[in-house]
């Protein structure tokens, strides 16, 4: 991470010290669909002008993305102006002083896998072993502390975030198997009884957790 990127990330993350901005950031990131200013204001019980100000600041800092859509689905004259919507960003902010190179280490490991130096099953097995240790404090705690941002939808646990999202463009298959091994290990370590399985999705992490049979 260069000095310019580090300064930008420090500024972006530092802006979340404002409690209203932080609440809006969490609300946008936990929404499966882009959200508008009115929707965010109603959800947090704040004035629309306040929500608009903080949402735009989040967008300026690169903490959320912006898109313009006509939610009515109408097009052409008389359809009205597109609404300004805010959604979770794919950009990663990583702040560490002094800078660490965990991401680089992971890239090297994935490169080794792709070259056949080790097999995907070995990486998944290692993730499973680590997951068992993490799961000993309870499944929900392990999932949140690892950064999966779990939610319950339709009786299943789904994850708004993939902790290894930045690596998926290099080798999605390996990253998904790593996620699966890690979550399966957490379930085993917590003696939870539920079942993890792969279900790739645009809006969620590739792993989901079924209720206990």
N, C-alpha and C. Protein backbone atom coordinates (compact mmCIF):
# COMPACT_ATOMS: atom_id res chain seq x y z
N UNK A 1 0.85 -1.19 0.00
CA UNK A 1 0.00 0.00 0.00
C UNK A 1 0.88 1.23 0.00
N UNK A 2 0.76 2.14 -0.99
CA UNK A 2 1.55 3.35 -1.06
C UNK A 2 1.08 4.37 -0.05
N UNK A 3 1.93 5.43 0.14
CA UNK A 3 1.57 6.45 1.12
C UNK A 3 0.26 7.14 0.75
N UNK A 4 0.06 7.43 -0.54
CA UNK A 4 -1.17 8.10 -0.96
C UNK A 4 -2.39 7.26 -0.65
N UNK A 5 -2.31 5.94 -0.95
CA UNK A 5 -3.44 5.05 -0.67
C UNK A 5 -3.68 4.93 0.83
N UNK A 6 -2.60 4.87 1.60
CA UNK A 6 -2.75 4.75 3.05
C UNK A 6 -3.41 5.99 3.61
N UNK A 7 -2.98 7.19 3.16
CA UNK A 7 -3.60 8.43 3.63
C UNK A 7 -5.08 8.47 3.28
N UNK A 8 -5.41 8.05 2.05
CA UNK A 8 -6.81 8.06 1.62
C UNK A 8 -7.64 7.11 2.47
N UNK A 9 -7.10 5.92 2.77
CA UNK A 9 -7.84 4.96 3.58
C UNK A 9 -8.00 5.46 5.01
N UNK A 10 -6.97 6.10 5.55
CA UNK A 10 -7.07 6.65 6.89
C UNK A 10 -8.16 7.72 6.96
N UNK A 11 -8.21 8.59 5.93
CA UNK A 11 -9.24 9.63 5.89
C UNK A 11 -10.63 9.01 5.78
N UNK A 12 -10.76 7.99 4.91
CA UNK A 12 -12.06 7.37 4.70
C UNK A 12 -12.57 6.70 5.97
N UNK A 13 -11.72 5.88 6.57
CA UNK A 13 -12.14 5.16 7.78
C UNK A 13 -12.35 6.14 8.92
N UNK A 14 -11.51 7.19 8.97
CA UNK A 14 -11.66 8.18 10.03
C UNK A 14 -12.99 8.91 9.97
N UNK A 15 -13.56 9.04 8.76
CA UNK A 15 -14.84 9.74 8.63
C UNK A 15 -15.97 8.98 9.32
N UNK A 16 -15.78 7.70 9.60
CA UNK A 16 -16.82 6.90 10.24
C UNK A 16 -16.88 7.13 11.74
N UNK A 17 -16.02 8.01 12.27
CA UNK A 17 -16.13 8.36 13.68
C UNK A 17 -17.41 9.13 13.96
N UNK A 18 -17.98 9.78 12.93
CA UNK A 18 -19.27 10.44 13.09
C UNK A 18 -20.34 9.37 13.25
N UNK A 19 -21.11 9.37 14.35
CA UNK A 19 -22.05 8.28 14.62
C UNK A 19 -23.17 8.16 13.58
N UNK A 20 -23.66 9.29 13.08
CA UNK A 20 -24.72 9.23 12.06
C UNK A 20 -24.18 8.64 10.77
N UNK A 21 -23.00 9.06 10.37
CA UNK A 21 -22.40 8.55 9.14
C UNK A 21 -22.12 7.06 9.27
N UNK A 22 -21.66 6.64 10.44
CA UNK A 22 -21.37 5.23 10.66
C UNK A 22 -22.65 4.40 10.58
N UNK A 23 -23.76 4.90 11.15
CA UNK A 23 -25.03 4.18 11.09
C UNK A 23 -25.52 4.05 9.65
N UNK A 24 -25.36 5.12 8.88
CA UNK A 24 -25.76 5.07 7.47
C UNK A 24 -24.89 4.09 6.69
N UNK A 25 -23.61 4.08 6.99
CA UNK A 25 -22.69 3.15 6.33
C UNK A 25 -23.12 1.70 6.60
N UNK A 26 -23.42 1.39 7.84
CA UNK A 26 -23.87 0.04 8.20
C UNK A 26 -25.18 -0.28 7.51
N UNK A 27 -26.11 0.68 7.48
CA UNK A 27 -27.42 0.45 6.85
C UNK A 27 -27.26 0.12 5.37
N UNK A 28 -26.45 0.91 4.65
CA UNK A 28 -26.24 0.67 3.22
C UNK A 28 -25.58 -0.68 2.99
N UNK A 29 -24.59 -1.01 3.80
CA UNK A 29 -23.84 -2.25 3.59
C UNK A 29 -24.66 -3.48 3.93
N UNK A 30 -25.68 -3.34 4.76
CA UNK A 30 -26.50 -4.50 5.12
C UNK A 30 -27.75 -4.62 4.25
N UNK A 31 -27.90 -3.69 3.32
CA UNK A 31 -29.05 -3.73 2.41
C UNK A 31 -28.69 -4.52 1.16
N UNK A 32 -29.51 -5.47 0.81
CA UNK A 32 -29.24 -6.30 -0.37
C UNK A 32 -29.48 -5.54 -1.67
N UNK A 33 -30.22 -4.42 -1.60
CA UNK A 33 -30.49 -3.59 -2.76
C UNK A 33 -30.01 -2.16 -2.50
N UNK A 34 -29.69 -1.41 -3.55
CA UNK A 34 -29.31 0.00 -3.35
C UNK A 34 -30.41 0.76 -2.63
N UNK A 35 -30.03 1.73 -1.80
CA UNK A 35 -31.01 2.46 -1.00
C UNK A 35 -30.99 3.94 -1.37
N UNK A 36 -32.14 4.58 -1.26
CA UNK A 36 -32.27 6.00 -1.54
C UNK A 36 -32.19 6.83 -0.28
N UNK A 37 -32.16 8.15 -0.45
CA UNK A 37 -32.04 9.05 0.68
C UNK A 37 -33.25 8.98 1.60
N UNK A 38 -34.44 8.95 1.01
CA UNK A 38 -35.66 8.89 1.83
C UNK A 38 -35.70 7.60 2.64
N UNK A 39 -35.36 6.50 1.99
CA UNK A 39 -35.37 5.20 2.66
C UNK A 39 -34.40 5.18 3.84
N UNK A 40 -33.19 5.72 3.62
CA UNK A 40 -32.18 5.75 4.68
C UNK A 40 -32.62 6.67 5.82
N UNK A 41 -33.19 7.82 5.48
CA UNK A 41 -33.64 8.76 6.50
C UNK A 41 -34.74 8.15 7.37
N UNK A 42 -35.69 7.46 6.73
CA UNK A 42 -36.78 6.83 7.48
C UNK A 42 -36.26 5.71 8.38
N UNK A 43 -35.31 4.93 7.86
CA UNK A 43 -34.79 3.80 8.63
C UNK A 43 -34.06 4.26 9.88
N UNK A 44 -33.34 5.39 9.79
CA UNK A 44 -32.55 5.86 10.92
C UNK A 44 -33.27 6.92 11.75
N UNK A 45 -34.43 7.39 11.24
CA UNK A 45 -35.17 8.41 11.97
C UNK A 45 -34.47 9.75 12.00
N UNK A 46 -33.88 10.14 10.86
CA UNK A 46 -33.16 11.41 10.77
C UNK A 46 -33.72 12.21 9.60
N UNK A 47 -33.50 13.53 9.56
CA UNK A 47 -33.99 14.33 8.43
C UNK A 47 -33.37 13.89 7.11
N UNK A 48 -34.14 14.02 6.04
CA UNK A 48 -33.64 13.62 4.72
C UNK A 48 -32.38 14.40 4.35
N UNK A 49 -32.34 15.69 4.67
CA UNK A 49 -31.18 16.51 4.33
C UNK A 49 -29.93 15.99 5.03
N UNK A 50 -30.08 15.55 6.27
CA UNK A 50 -28.95 15.01 7.01
C UNK A 50 -28.47 13.71 6.38
N UNK A 51 -29.43 12.84 6.02
CA UNK A 51 -29.07 11.57 5.38
C UNK A 51 -28.35 11.82 4.06
N UNK A 52 -28.85 12.76 3.26
CA UNK A 52 -28.24 13.06 1.97
C UNK A 52 -26.81 13.55 2.14
N UNK A 53 -26.60 14.42 3.11
CA UNK A 53 -25.26 14.96 3.34
C UNK A 53 -24.26 13.85 3.68
N UNK A 54 -24.63 13.02 4.63
CA UNK A 54 -23.70 11.98 5.07
C UNK A 54 -23.52 10.89 4.02
N UNK A 55 -24.57 10.55 3.29
CA UNK A 55 -24.45 9.56 2.22
C UNK A 55 -23.51 10.06 1.12
N UNK A 56 -23.61 11.34 0.80
CA UNK A 56 -22.72 11.89 -0.23
C UNK A 56 -21.28 11.93 0.27
N UNK A 57 -21.09 12.18 1.55
CA UNK A 57 -19.73 12.15 2.09
C UNK A 57 -19.15 10.74 2.05
N UNK A 58 -19.99 9.75 2.35
CA UNK A 58 -19.54 8.36 2.25
C UNK A 58 -19.14 8.03 0.82
N UNK A 59 -19.92 8.53 -0.14
CA UNK A 59 -19.60 8.29 -1.55
C UNK A 59 -18.30 8.98 -1.94
N UNK A 60 -18.09 10.20 -1.47
CA UNK A 60 -16.86 10.94 -1.77
C UNK A 60 -15.63 10.22 -1.23
N UNK A 61 -15.78 9.58 -0.07
CA UNK A 61 -14.67 8.85 0.54
C UNK A 61 -14.47 7.47 -0.06
N UNK A 62 -15.36 7.07 -0.99
CA UNK A 62 -15.23 5.74 -1.59
C UNK A 62 -15.73 4.62 -0.72
N UNK A 63 -16.50 4.95 0.33
CA UNK A 63 -17.00 3.93 1.24
C UNK A 63 -18.30 3.31 0.75
N UNK A 64 -19.01 3.99 -0.14
CA UNK A 64 -20.19 3.42 -0.80
C UNK A 64 -20.15 3.84 -2.27
N UNK A 65 -20.86 3.11 -3.10
CA UNK A 65 -20.97 3.45 -4.52
C UNK A 65 -22.32 4.11 -4.78
N UNK A 66 -22.39 4.87 -5.87
CA UNK A 66 -23.62 5.58 -6.25
C UNK A 66 -24.07 5.12 -7.62
N UNK A 67 -25.37 4.97 -7.78
CA UNK A 67 -25.94 4.72 -9.10
C UNK A 67 -27.26 5.47 -9.22
N UNK A 68 -27.66 5.75 -10.45
CA UNK A 68 -28.90 6.48 -10.70
C UNK A 68 -29.87 5.57 -11.44
N UNK A 69 -31.05 5.33 -10.84
CA UNK A 69 -32.04 4.44 -11.43
C UNK A 69 -33.43 5.04 -11.29
N UNK A 70 -34.28 4.72 -12.27
CA UNK A 70 -35.70 5.04 -12.15
C UNK A 70 -36.38 3.82 -11.53
N UNK A 71 -36.76 3.91 -10.30
CA UNK A 71 -37.34 2.77 -9.61
C UNK A 71 -38.72 2.42 -10.13
N UNK A 72 -39.37 3.35 -10.81
CA UNK A 72 -40.69 3.06 -11.35
C UNK A 72 -40.61 2.12 -12.54
N UNK A 73 -39.41 2.02 -13.15
CA UNK A 73 -39.25 1.18 -14.32
C UNK A 73 -39.65 1.87 -15.61
N UNK A 74 -40.22 3.09 -15.51
CA UNK A 74 -40.64 3.83 -16.70
C UNK A 74 -39.45 4.49 -17.37
N UNK A 75 -39.52 4.68 -18.65
CA UNK A 75 -38.48 5.35 -19.41
C UNK A 75 -39.10 6.39 -20.33
N UNK A 76 -38.26 7.25 -20.88
CA UNK A 76 -38.73 8.24 -21.83
C UNK A 76 -39.31 9.47 -21.17
N UNK A 77 -39.88 10.39 -21.97
CA UNK A 77 -40.45 11.63 -21.44
C UNK A 77 -41.53 11.34 -20.40
N UNK A 78 -41.49 12.11 -19.32
CA UNK A 78 -42.49 11.95 -18.28
C UNK A 78 -42.16 10.89 -17.26
N UNK A 79 -41.03 10.19 -17.44
CA UNK A 79 -40.67 9.13 -16.50
C UNK A 79 -40.07 9.68 -15.22
N UNK A 80 -39.70 10.98 -15.25
CA UNK A 80 -39.11 11.57 -14.06
C UNK A 80 -37.61 11.36 -14.00
N UNK A 81 -36.98 12.09 -13.08
CA UNK A 81 -35.54 11.99 -12.95
C UNK A 81 -35.14 10.69 -12.25
N UNK A 82 -34.02 10.09 -12.63
CA UNK A 82 -33.55 8.90 -11.92
C UNK A 82 -33.22 9.23 -10.47
N UNK A 83 -33.47 8.31 -9.58
CA UNK A 83 -33.16 8.50 -8.17
C UNK A 83 -31.69 8.20 -7.92
N UNK A 84 -31.10 8.94 -7.00
CA UNK A 84 -29.72 8.70 -6.61
C UNK A 84 -29.72 7.65 -5.51
N UNK A 85 -29.08 6.53 -5.79
CA UNK A 85 -29.08 5.39 -4.86
C UNK A 85 -27.67 5.08 -4.41
N UNK A 86 -27.57 4.50 -3.23
CA UNK A 86 -26.27 4.18 -2.63
C UNK A 86 -26.21 2.67 -2.35
N UNK A 87 -25.05 2.09 -2.61
CA UNK A 87 -24.91 0.65 -2.40
C UNK A 87 -23.51 0.31 -1.91
N UNK A 88 -23.38 -0.91 -1.45
CA UNK A 88 -22.09 -1.40 -0.97
C UNK A 88 -21.05 -1.33 -2.07
N UNK A 89 -19.84 -0.93 -1.72
CA UNK A 89 -18.77 -0.83 -2.70
C UNK A 89 -17.89 -2.06 -2.68
N UNK A 90 -17.28 -2.38 -3.82
CA UNK A 90 -16.34 -3.49 -3.89
C UNK A 90 -14.93 -3.06 -3.49
N UNK A 91 -14.75 -1.73 -3.30
CA UNK A 91 -13.43 -1.24 -2.94
C UNK A 91 -13.08 -1.67 -1.52
N UNK A 92 -11.83 -2.08 -1.30
CA UNK A 92 -11.36 -2.49 0.02
C UNK A 92 -10.59 -1.34 0.67
N UNK A 93 -10.83 -1.14 1.96
CA UNK A 93 -10.06 -0.19 2.75
C UNK A 93 -9.31 -0.99 3.81
N UNK A 94 -8.01 -0.92 3.76
CA UNK A 94 -7.21 -1.69 4.70
C UNK A 94 -6.21 -0.75 5.35
N UNK A 95 -6.36 -0.54 6.66
CA UNK A 95 -5.48 0.38 7.37
C UNK A 95 -4.70 -0.39 8.42
N UNK A 96 -3.38 -0.30 8.37
CA UNK A 96 -2.54 -0.95 9.35
C UNK A 96 -1.27 -0.13 9.49
N UNK A 97 -0.91 0.19 10.71
CA UNK A 97 0.31 0.95 10.97
C UNK A 97 1.21 0.16 11.91
N UNK A 98 2.44 -0.21 11.48
CA UNK A 98 2.95 -0.01 10.13
C UNK A 98 2.23 -0.91 9.13
N UNK A 99 2.34 -0.63 7.81
CA UNK A 99 1.63 -1.44 6.81
C UNK A 99 2.01 -2.91 6.88
N UNK A 100 1.01 -3.78 6.77
CA UNK A 100 1.24 -5.23 6.71
C UNK A 100 1.04 -5.68 5.28
N UNK A 101 1.35 -6.94 5.02
CA UNK A 101 1.23 -7.47 3.67
C UNK A 101 0.47 -8.79 3.67
N UNK A 102 -0.61 -8.83 4.47
CA UNK A 102 -1.41 -10.05 4.53
C UNK A 102 -2.02 -10.37 3.17
N UNK A 103 -2.50 -9.34 2.47
CA UNK A 103 -3.07 -9.56 1.15
C UNK A 103 -2.06 -10.14 0.18
N UNK A 104 -0.82 -9.66 0.25
CA UNK A 104 0.23 -10.19 -0.63
C UNK A 104 0.51 -11.65 -0.30
N UNK A 105 0.55 -11.97 0.99
CA UNK A 105 0.79 -13.36 1.38
C UNK A 105 -0.30 -14.27 0.84
N UNK A 106 -1.55 -13.80 0.88
CA UNK A 106 -2.66 -14.60 0.36
C UNK A 106 -2.54 -14.77 -1.14
N UNK A 107 -2.13 -13.70 -1.85
CA UNK A 107 -1.96 -13.80 -3.31
C UNK A 107 -0.88 -14.82 -3.65
N UNK A 108 0.21 -14.82 -2.90
CA UNK A 108 1.28 -15.79 -3.14
C UNK A 108 0.77 -17.21 -2.93
N UNK A 109 -0.03 -17.40 -1.88
CA UNK A 109 -0.58 -18.72 -1.59
C UNK A 109 -1.49 -19.18 -2.71
N UNK A 110 -2.34 -18.28 -3.21
CA UNK A 110 -3.23 -18.64 -4.31
C UNK A 110 -2.44 -18.93 -5.58
N UNK A 111 -1.36 -18.19 -5.78
CA UNK A 111 -0.52 -18.45 -6.94
C UNK A 111 0.08 -19.85 -6.85
N UNK A 112 0.48 -20.26 -5.66
CA UNK A 112 1.04 -21.60 -5.46
C UNK A 112 0.00 -22.67 -5.78
N UNK A 113 -1.25 -22.40 -5.37
CA UNK A 113 -2.32 -23.34 -5.66
C UNK A 113 -2.52 -23.47 -7.17
N UNK A 114 -2.56 -22.33 -7.86
CA UNK A 114 -2.82 -22.36 -9.30
C UNK A 114 -1.70 -23.04 -10.08
N UNK A 115 -0.50 -23.04 -9.53
CA UNK A 115 0.64 -23.69 -10.18
C UNK A 115 0.79 -25.16 -9.79
N UNK A 116 -0.09 -25.61 -8.90
CA UNK A 116 -0.06 -27.01 -8.51
C UNK A 116 0.92 -27.33 -7.40
N UNK A 117 1.50 -26.29 -6.77
CA UNK A 117 2.44 -26.53 -5.69
C UNK A 117 1.73 -27.17 -4.49
N UNK A 118 0.52 -26.76 -4.25
CA UNK A 118 -0.35 -27.42 -3.28
C UNK A 118 -1.73 -27.52 -3.91
N UNK A 119 -2.56 -28.38 -3.39
CA UNK A 119 -3.88 -28.59 -3.97
C UNK A 119 -4.93 -27.79 -3.22
N UNK A 120 -6.03 -27.50 -3.92
CA UNK A 120 -7.11 -26.74 -3.30
C UNK A 120 -7.63 -27.44 -2.05
N UNK A 121 -7.67 -28.76 -2.09
CA UNK A 121 -8.19 -29.48 -0.93
C UNK A 121 -7.31 -29.27 0.29
N UNK A 122 -5.99 -29.04 0.07
CA UNK A 122 -5.10 -28.78 1.20
C UNK A 122 -5.41 -27.43 1.83
N UNK A 123 -5.68 -26.43 0.99
CA UNK A 123 -6.02 -25.10 1.49
C UNK A 123 -7.35 -25.14 2.23
N UNK A 124 -8.34 -25.83 1.66
CA UNK A 124 -9.65 -25.95 2.31
C UNK A 124 -9.53 -26.68 3.64
N UNK A 125 -8.66 -27.70 3.70
CA UNK A 125 -8.47 -28.45 4.95
C UNK A 125 -7.83 -27.56 6.02
N UNK A 126 -6.88 -26.74 5.60
CA UNK A 126 -6.25 -25.82 6.55
C UNK A 126 -7.26 -24.80 7.07
N UNK A 127 -8.11 -24.30 6.17
CA UNK A 127 -9.15 -23.36 6.58
C UNK A 127 -10.12 -24.02 7.55
N UNK A 128 -10.42 -25.29 7.30
CA UNK A 128 -11.34 -26.03 8.18
C UNK A 128 -10.75 -26.14 9.59
N UNK A 129 -9.47 -26.44 9.68
CA UNK A 129 -8.83 -26.57 10.99
C UNK A 129 -8.85 -25.25 11.75
N UNK A 130 -8.57 -24.17 11.04
CA UNK A 130 -8.61 -22.85 11.68
C UNK A 130 -10.04 -22.50 12.09
N UNK A 131 -11.01 -22.87 11.24
CA UNK A 131 -12.41 -22.62 11.55
C UNK A 131 -12.86 -23.30 12.83
N UNK A 132 -12.37 -24.51 13.06
CA UNK A 132 -12.72 -25.23 14.29
C UNK A 132 -12.29 -24.43 15.52
N UNK A 133 -11.08 -23.89 15.46
CA UNK A 133 -10.58 -23.08 16.58
C UNK A 133 -11.44 -21.83 16.77
N UNK A 134 -11.75 -21.17 15.67
CA UNK A 134 -12.54 -19.94 15.75
C UNK A 134 -13.95 -20.21 16.26
N UNK A 135 -14.50 -21.37 15.91
CA UNK A 135 -15.88 -21.68 16.27
C UNK A 135 -16.09 -22.04 17.71
N UNK A 136 -15.03 -22.25 18.46
CA UNK A 136 -15.18 -22.68 19.86
C UNK A 136 -15.87 -21.62 20.71
N UNK A 137 -15.84 -20.36 20.27
CA UNK A 137 -16.53 -19.31 21.02
C UNK A 137 -17.97 -19.11 20.60
N UNK A 138 -18.46 -19.97 19.70
CA UNK A 138 -19.82 -19.85 19.20
C UNK A 138 -19.84 -19.46 17.74
N UNK A 139 -20.78 -20.00 16.98
CA UNK A 139 -20.81 -19.77 15.53
C UNK A 139 -21.07 -18.31 15.18
N UNK A 140 -22.09 -17.70 15.79
CA UNK A 140 -22.42 -16.32 15.44
C UNK A 140 -21.24 -15.39 15.70
N UNK A 141 -20.60 -15.57 16.84
CA UNK A 141 -19.45 -14.73 17.18
C UNK A 141 -18.32 -14.93 16.19
N UNK A 142 -18.05 -16.17 15.83
CA UNK A 142 -16.96 -16.45 14.89
C UNK A 142 -17.23 -15.83 13.53
N UNK A 143 -18.47 -15.93 13.05
CA UNK A 143 -18.82 -15.37 11.73
C UNK A 143 -18.67 -13.86 11.73
N UNK A 144 -19.11 -13.20 12.79
CA UNK A 144 -19.04 -11.74 12.84
C UNK A 144 -17.60 -11.26 12.98
N UNK A 145 -16.84 -11.93 13.84
CA UNK A 145 -15.47 -11.49 14.05
C UNK A 145 -14.60 -11.74 12.82
N UNK A 146 -14.97 -12.71 12.00
CA UNK A 146 -14.22 -12.99 10.78
C UNK A 146 -14.60 -12.01 9.67
N UNK A 147 -15.73 -11.33 9.81
CA UNK A 147 -16.13 -10.32 8.84
C UNK A 147 -17.16 -10.74 7.84
N UNK A 148 -17.86 -11.86 8.10
CA UNK A 148 -18.87 -12.32 7.13
C UNK A 148 -20.14 -11.47 7.13
N UNK A 149 -20.39 -10.73 8.20
CA UNK A 149 -21.60 -9.91 8.31
C UNK A 149 -22.85 -10.76 8.06
N UNK A 150 -23.11 -11.75 8.92
CA UNK A 150 -24.22 -12.69 8.69
C UNK A 150 -25.58 -12.08 8.95
N UNK A 151 -26.58 -12.54 8.16
CA UNK A 151 -27.97 -12.16 8.35
C UNK A 151 -28.83 -13.42 8.15
N UNK A 152 -29.99 -13.43 8.76
CA UNK A 152 -30.93 -14.54 8.59
C UNK A 152 -31.94 -14.15 7.52
N UNK A 153 -32.02 -14.92 6.45
CA UNK A 153 -33.00 -14.69 5.40
C UNK A 153 -33.56 -16.03 4.93
N UNK A 154 -34.88 -16.12 4.93
CA UNK A 154 -35.57 -17.34 4.52
C UNK A 154 -35.07 -18.55 5.31
N UNK A 155 -34.80 -18.34 6.58
CA UNK A 155 -34.40 -19.43 7.46
C UNK A 155 -32.94 -19.83 7.35
N UNK A 156 -32.17 -19.22 6.46
CA UNK A 156 -30.77 -19.55 6.29
C UNK A 156 -29.89 -18.39 6.76
N UNK A 157 -28.64 -18.71 7.09
CA UNK A 157 -27.66 -17.66 7.36
C UNK A 157 -26.97 -17.33 6.04
N UNK A 158 -27.05 -16.06 5.66
CA UNK A 158 -26.35 -15.59 4.47
C UNK A 158 -25.37 -14.50 4.87
N UNK A 159 -24.36 -14.30 4.04
CA UNK A 159 -23.29 -13.38 4.39
C UNK A 159 -23.25 -12.20 3.43
N UNK A 160 -23.39 -11.00 3.98
CA UNK A 160 -23.30 -9.80 3.15
C UNK A 160 -21.87 -9.57 2.65
N UNK A 161 -20.89 -10.09 3.38
CA UNK A 161 -19.50 -9.80 3.05
C UNK A 161 -18.69 -11.08 2.91
N UNK A 162 -17.75 -11.05 1.95
CA UNK A 162 -16.75 -12.11 1.84
C UNK A 162 -15.43 -11.55 2.35
N UNK A 163 -14.85 -12.10 3.40
CA UNK A 163 -13.60 -11.57 3.94
C UNK A 163 -12.45 -11.61 2.94
N UNK A 164 -12.59 -12.43 1.90
CA UNK A 164 -11.50 -12.60 0.92
C UNK A 164 -11.92 -12.08 -0.46
N UNK A 165 -12.84 -11.10 -0.47
CA UNK A 165 -13.42 -10.63 -1.72
C UNK A 165 -12.36 -10.17 -2.73
N UNK A 166 -11.33 -9.47 -2.28
CA UNK A 166 -10.34 -8.92 -3.19
C UNK A 166 -9.56 -9.99 -3.93
N UNK A 167 -9.57 -11.21 -3.42
CA UNK A 167 -8.81 -12.30 -4.03
C UNK A 167 -9.63 -13.11 -5.03
N UNK A 168 -10.95 -12.88 -5.07
CA UNK A 168 -11.81 -13.70 -5.93
C UNK A 168 -11.49 -13.53 -7.40
N UNK A 169 -11.04 -12.34 -7.80
CA UNK A 169 -10.73 -12.15 -9.22
C UNK A 169 -9.53 -12.98 -9.65
N UNK A 170 -8.69 -13.35 -8.71
CA UNK A 170 -7.53 -14.16 -9.04
C UNK A 170 -7.89 -15.64 -9.16
N UNK A 171 -8.72 -16.13 -8.24
CA UNK A 171 -9.09 -17.55 -8.27
C UNK A 171 -10.35 -17.73 -7.43
N UNK A 172 -11.51 -17.52 -8.05
CA UNK A 172 -12.76 -17.57 -7.31
C UNK A 172 -13.04 -18.97 -6.76
N UNK A 173 -12.73 -19.99 -7.54
CA UNK A 173 -13.00 -21.35 -7.09
C UNK A 173 -12.26 -21.65 -5.79
N UNK A 174 -10.98 -21.28 -5.74
CA UNK A 174 -10.20 -21.54 -4.53
C UNK A 174 -10.73 -20.74 -3.35
N UNK A 175 -11.07 -19.47 -3.58
CA UNK A 175 -11.56 -18.63 -2.50
C UNK A 175 -12.90 -19.15 -1.96
N UNK A 176 -13.77 -19.60 -2.85
CA UNK A 176 -15.06 -20.14 -2.40
C UNK A 176 -14.86 -21.41 -1.57
N UNK A 177 -13.95 -22.27 -2.00
CA UNK A 177 -13.67 -23.49 -1.24
C UNK A 177 -13.02 -23.16 0.10
N UNK A 178 -12.20 -22.12 0.11
CA UNK A 178 -11.60 -21.69 1.37
C UNK A 178 -12.69 -21.21 2.33
N UNK A 179 -13.63 -20.40 1.81
CA UNK A 179 -14.76 -19.95 2.63
C UNK A 179 -15.57 -21.12 3.17
N UNK A 180 -15.84 -22.06 2.31
CA UNK A 180 -16.64 -23.22 2.72
C UNK A 180 -15.93 -24.01 3.82
N UNK A 181 -14.63 -24.26 3.63
CA UNK A 181 -13.88 -25.00 4.64
C UNK A 181 -13.84 -24.26 5.97
N UNK A 182 -13.67 -22.94 5.91
CA UNK A 182 -13.60 -22.14 7.13
C UNK A 182 -14.93 -22.17 7.89
N UNK A 183 -16.04 -21.98 7.17
CA UNK A 183 -17.35 -21.95 7.82
C UNK A 183 -17.72 -23.34 8.34
N UNK A 184 -17.42 -24.38 7.57
CA UNK A 184 -17.68 -25.74 8.05
C UNK A 184 -16.90 -26.01 9.34
N UNK A 185 -15.67 -25.51 9.39
CA UNK A 185 -14.89 -25.68 10.60
C UNK A 185 -15.50 -24.95 11.78
N UNK A 186 -16.00 -23.73 11.54
CA UNK A 186 -16.65 -22.97 12.61
C UNK A 186 -17.87 -23.72 13.15
N UNK A 187 -18.65 -24.30 12.23
CA UNK A 187 -19.83 -25.06 12.64
C UNK A 187 -19.42 -26.25 13.50
N UNK A 188 -18.37 -26.95 13.05
CA UNK A 188 -17.90 -28.11 13.82
C UNK A 188 -17.36 -27.68 15.17
N UNK A 189 -16.57 -26.61 15.20
CA UNK A 189 -15.98 -26.15 16.45
C UNK A 189 -17.00 -25.66 17.46
N UNK A 190 -18.11 -25.12 16.96
CA UNK A 190 -19.16 -24.62 17.85
C UNK A 190 -20.19 -25.68 18.18
N UNK A 191 -20.06 -26.85 17.54
CA UNK A 191 -21.03 -27.94 17.73
C UNK A 191 -22.44 -27.43 17.48
N UNK A 192 -22.58 -26.67 16.36
CA UNK A 192 -23.83 -25.97 16.07
C UNK A 192 -24.88 -26.88 15.42
N UNK A 193 -24.46 -27.78 14.55
CA UNK A 193 -25.40 -28.71 13.93
C UNK A 193 -25.94 -28.28 12.59
N UNK A 194 -25.69 -27.03 12.18
CA UNK A 194 -26.15 -26.59 10.87
C UNK A 194 -25.19 -27.04 9.77
N UNK A 195 -25.56 -26.78 8.52
CA UNK A 195 -24.78 -27.27 7.37
C UNK A 195 -24.44 -26.12 6.44
N UNK A 196 -23.17 -26.00 6.07
CA UNK A 196 -22.73 -24.98 5.12
C UNK A 196 -22.70 -25.59 3.72
N UNK A 197 -23.04 -24.76 2.73
CA UNK A 197 -22.98 -25.22 1.34
C UNK A 197 -22.69 -24.04 0.43
N UNK A 198 -22.24 -24.33 -0.79
CA UNK A 198 -21.91 -23.28 -1.75
C UNK A 198 -23.13 -22.87 -2.56
N UNK A 199 -23.36 -21.57 -2.67
CA UNK A 199 -24.44 -21.02 -3.47
C UNK A 199 -24.00 -19.63 -3.94
N UNK A 200 -23.19 -19.56 -5.02
CA UNK A 200 -22.69 -18.26 -5.50
C UNK A 200 -23.83 -17.30 -5.80
N UNK A 201 -23.61 -16.02 -5.46
CA UNK A 201 -24.65 -15.01 -5.63
C UNK A 201 -23.99 -13.66 -5.85
N UNK A 202 -24.70 -12.77 -6.57
CA UNK A 202 -24.18 -11.42 -6.80
C UNK A 202 -24.24 -10.59 -5.52
N UNK A 203 -25.22 -10.86 -4.67
CA UNK A 203 -25.48 -10.01 -3.50
C UNK A 203 -24.87 -10.54 -2.21
N UNK A 204 -24.45 -11.81 -2.20
CA UNK A 204 -23.97 -12.41 -0.97
C UNK A 204 -22.67 -13.17 -1.22
N UNK A 205 -22.00 -13.54 -0.12
CA UNK A 205 -20.86 -14.45 -0.18
C UNK A 205 -21.34 -15.79 -0.76
N UNK A 206 -20.40 -16.57 -1.28
CA UNK A 206 -20.75 -17.82 -1.98
C UNK A 206 -21.22 -18.92 -1.03
N UNK A 207 -21.04 -18.75 0.30
CA UNK A 207 -21.41 -19.78 1.26
C UNK A 207 -22.69 -19.39 1.98
N UNK A 208 -23.57 -20.37 2.17
CA UNK A 208 -24.75 -20.18 2.98
C UNK A 208 -24.82 -21.30 4.02
N UNK A 209 -25.61 -21.08 5.08
CA UNK A 209 -25.73 -22.07 6.15
C UNK A 209 -27.18 -22.45 6.32
N UNK A 210 -27.48 -23.73 6.14
CA UNK A 210 -28.84 -24.26 6.31
C UNK A 210 -29.15 -24.46 7.79
N UNK A 211 -30.43 -24.40 8.15
CA UNK A 211 -30.81 -24.73 9.52
C UNK A 211 -30.49 -26.19 9.84
N UNK A 212 -30.41 -26.47 11.13
CA UNK A 212 -30.17 -27.85 11.56
C UNK A 212 -31.33 -28.73 11.14
N UNK A 213 -31.03 -29.89 10.58
CA UNK A 213 -32.07 -30.80 10.11
C UNK A 213 -32.88 -31.33 11.29
